[in-house]
Amino acid sequence: MKGASSWILGLLVLAGCARPGPPPVDYAELQRQNVLAQIGRMVQEPLSRFSAAPDCASADLQRAKAVARLNAETTKPVEHGLDAALYGADLALSVGDAARSHGCRDDALEMYDLVLGSYPGSAFAPLRARARAGIDDLRVAGGERRGGRGTALSDG
């Protein structure tokens, strides 16, 4: 009987129905996931420190903004995957939302404008809607934006 089960297992392996050993590891995908996790930490850690001691001139807020901005400028869905670009847009919105919730209006607008200008396409529509909602909240809280470059807030 042992010979018959080995023979059947051999046929299954040849047919691709059974794999001996663990599945192959996609090291490139693991590296990509690790990079995304590191980018997330590079935004979330300073953002947490900023939220604990809010100050619009905080180096932590500026660091989180800089990483989110660089990520938005360099992460492209075709090259890095749609999930990476969606994650980048979500990180930028997190920075904008934290800045808005602590009264850092210009910093929040910068992040919302970044999302509106850097993430075209239907896949990003819900994230752009979230940016517009943040801008609308700022309008209600503090009136129209004055001066500066054209933005969704000043463009009406």
Protein backbone atom coordinates (compact mmCIF):
# COMPACT_ATOMS: atom_id res chain seq x y z
CA MET A 1 0.00 0.00 0.00
CA LYS A 2 2.90 2.34 0.76
CA GLY A 3 4.12 2.09 -2.85
CA ALA A 4 0.68 2.98 -4.19
CA SER A 5 0.38 6.11 -2.03
CA SER A 6 3.86 7.28 -3.08
CA TRP A 7 2.92 6.71 -6.71
CA ILE A 8 -0.33 8.72 -6.29
CA LEU A 9 1.53 11.53 -4.50
CA GLY A 10 4.06 11.57 -7.34
CA LEU A 11 1.25 11.94 -9.90
CA LEU A 12 -0.33 14.75 -7.88
CA VAL A 13 3.00 16.58 -7.70
CA LEU A 14 3.53 16.22 -11.45
CA ALA A 15 0.01 17.48 -12.12
CA GLY A 16 0.59 20.48 -9.86
CA CYS A 17 -2.12 19.42 -7.43
CA ALA A 18 0.21 18.85 -4.50
CA ARG A 19 3.38 20.63 -3.60
CA PRO A 20 6.05 19.06 -1.54
CA GLY A 21 7.28 21.50 1.10
CA PRO A 22 6.26 25.09 1.77
CA PRO A 23 4.98 27.42 -0.95
CA PRO A 24 7.56 29.59 -2.70
CA VAL A 25 8.34 32.93 -1.11
CA ASP A 26 7.98 36.10 -3.18
CA TYR A 27 10.86 38.09 -1.73
CA ALA A 28 10.18 41.11 -3.92
CA GLU A 29 6.63 41.33 -2.55
CA LEU A 30 7.87 40.94 1.01
CA GLN A 31 10.37 43.73 0.45
CA ARG A 32 7.64 45.96 -1.04
CA GLN A 33 5.41 45.31 1.98
CA ASN A 34 8.28 46.09 4.34
CA VAL A 35 8.93 49.38 2.53
CA LEU A 36 5.25 50.34 2.81
CA ALA A 37 5.29 49.50 6.52
CA GLN A 38 8.41 51.62 7.01
CA ILE A 39 6.83 54.57 5.18
CA GLY A 40 3.76 54.20 7.37
CA ARG A 41 5.92 54.30 10.51
CA MET A 42 7.80 57.33 9.17
CA VAL A 43 4.47 59.19 9.02
CA GLN A 44 2.59 57.73 11.98
CA GLU A 45 5.32 57.95 14.61
CA PRO A 46 5.95 61.70 14.27
CA LEU A 47 2.22 62.26 13.82
CA SER A 48 1.56 60.51 17.14
CA ARG A 49 4.12 62.71 18.88
CA PHE A 50 2.56 65.78 17.26
CA SER A 51 -0.92 64.75 18.41
CA ALA A 52 0.33 64.25 21.96
CA ALA A 53 1.77 67.78 22.06
CA PRO A 54 0.16 69.74 19.21
CA ASP A 55 2.09 72.70 17.86
CA CYS A 56 1.72 73.77 14.25
CA ALA A 57 5.43 74.58 14.12
CA SER A 58 6.28 71.11 15.41
CA ALA A 59 9.17 69.34 13.72
CA ASP A 60 7.12 66.15 14.03
CA LEU A 61 4.24 67.57 12.00
CA GLN A 62 6.66 68.89 9.39
CA ARG A 63 8.43 65.50 9.21
CA ALA A 64 5.13 63.64 8.74
CA LYS A 65 4.13 66.11 6.00
CA ALA A 66 7.49 65.76 4.24
CA VAL A 67 7.32 61.96 4.15
CA ALA A 68 3.70 61.99 2.97
CA ARG A 69 4.55 64.55 0.26
CA LEU A 70 7.61 62.63 -0.96
CA ASN A 71 5.60 59.42 -1.00
CA ALA A 72 2.84 61.07 -3.05
CA GLU A 73 5.37 62.44 -5.53
CA THR A 74 7.23 59.16 -6.03
CA THR A 75 4.72 56.32 -5.58
CA LYS A 76 2.97 55.51 -8.84
CA PRO A 77 0.27 52.82 -9.14
CA VAL A 78 1.74 51.33 -12.32
CA GLU A 79 5.22 50.98 -10.85
CA HIS A 80 4.52 50.31 -7.18
CA GLY A 81 1.00 48.90 -7.14
CA LEU A 82 -2.38 50.51 -6.65
CA ASP A 83 -2.42 49.46 -3.01
CA ALA A 84 0.81 51.39 -2.37
CA ALA A 85 -0.60 54.54 -3.96
CA LEU A 86 -3.89 54.21 -2.06
CA TYR A 87 -1.94 53.76 1.16
CA GLY A 88 0.13 56.86 0.36
CA ALA A 89 -2.99 58.93 -0.21
CA ASP A 90 -4.45 57.65 3.05
CA LEU A 91 -1.26 58.61 4.91
CA ALA A 92 -1.43 62.15 3.47
CA LEU A 93 -5.06 62.41 4.56
CA SER A 94 -4.13 61.20 8.05
CA VAL A 95 -1.60 64.01 8.30
CA GLY A 96 -4.17 66.52 7.00
CA ASP A 97 -6.83 65.30 9.41
CA ALA A 98 -4.47 65.45 12.40
CA ALA A 99 -3.34 68.96 11.44
CA ARG A 100 -6.97 70.08 11.01
CA SER A 101 -8.06 68.59 14.33
CA HIS A 102 -5.33 70.58 16.11
CA GLY A 103 -6.02 73.87 14.35
CA CYS A 104 -3.10 73.77 11.89
CA ARG A 105 -5.19 74.99 8.98
CA ASP A 106 -2.42 75.68 6.43
CA ASP A 107 -0.78 72.32 7.08
CA ALA A 108 -4.11 70.55 6.68
CA LEU A 109 -4.85 72.39 3.43
CA GLU A 110 -1.43 71.49 2.10
CA MET A 111 -2.11 67.78 2.63
CA TYR A 112 -5.64 67.94 1.24
CA ASP A 113 -4.40 69.83 -1.82
CA LEU A 114 -1.68 67.19 -2.23
CA VAL A 115 -4.29 64.43 -2.37
CA LEU A 116 -6.49 66.38 -4.80
CA GLY A 117 -3.57 67.12 -7.12
CA SER A 118 -1.55 63.90 -6.89
CA TYR A 119 -4.13 61.14 -7.06
CA PRO A 120 -6.26 61.26 -10.23
CA GLY A 121 -8.43 58.41 -11.40
CA SER A 122 -11.51 56.65 -10.20
CA ALA A 123 -9.66 54.42 -7.72
CA PHE A 124 -8.78 57.54 -5.72
CA ALA A 125 -12.22 59.21 -5.89
CA PRO A 126 -13.19 58.29 -2.29
CA LEU A 127 -9.89 59.67 -1.01
CA ARG A 128 -10.32 62.90 -2.97
CA ALA A 129 -13.84 63.14 -1.51
CA ARG A 130 -12.32 62.78 1.95
CA ALA A 131 -9.87 65.60 1.13
CA ARG A 132 -12.75 67.81 -0.06
CA ALA A 133 -14.65 67.03 3.14
CA GLY A 134 -11.64 68.13 5.18
CA ILE A 135 -11.45 71.36 3.16
CA ASP A 136 -15.18 71.91 3.70
CA ASP A 137 -14.70 71.45 7.45
CA LEU A 138 -11.96 74.08 7.36
CA ARG A 139 -14.25 76.47 5.45
CA VAL A 140 -16.92 76.12 8.08
CA ALA A 141 -14.41 76.54 10.90
CA GLY A 142 -12.44 79.42 9.49
CA GLY A 143 -13.85 81.02 6.36
CA GLU A 144 -12.32 81.13 2.93
CA ARG A 145 -8.61 80.78 2.40
CA ARG A 146 -6.88 84.00 1.46
CA GLY A 147 -3.86 84.36 -0.78
CA GLY A 148 -1.44 81.62 -1.74
CA ARG A 149 -1.59 79.41 -4.77
CA GLY A 150 -4.89 78.29 -6.21
CA THR A 151 -6.38 75.47 -4.17
CA ALA A 152 -9.63 73.69 -3.90
CA LEU A 153 -10.49 75.97 -1.01
CA SER A 154 -9.80 79.22 -2.85
CA ASP A 155 -11.14 77.96 -6.18
CA GLY A 156 -14.61 77.49 -4.70
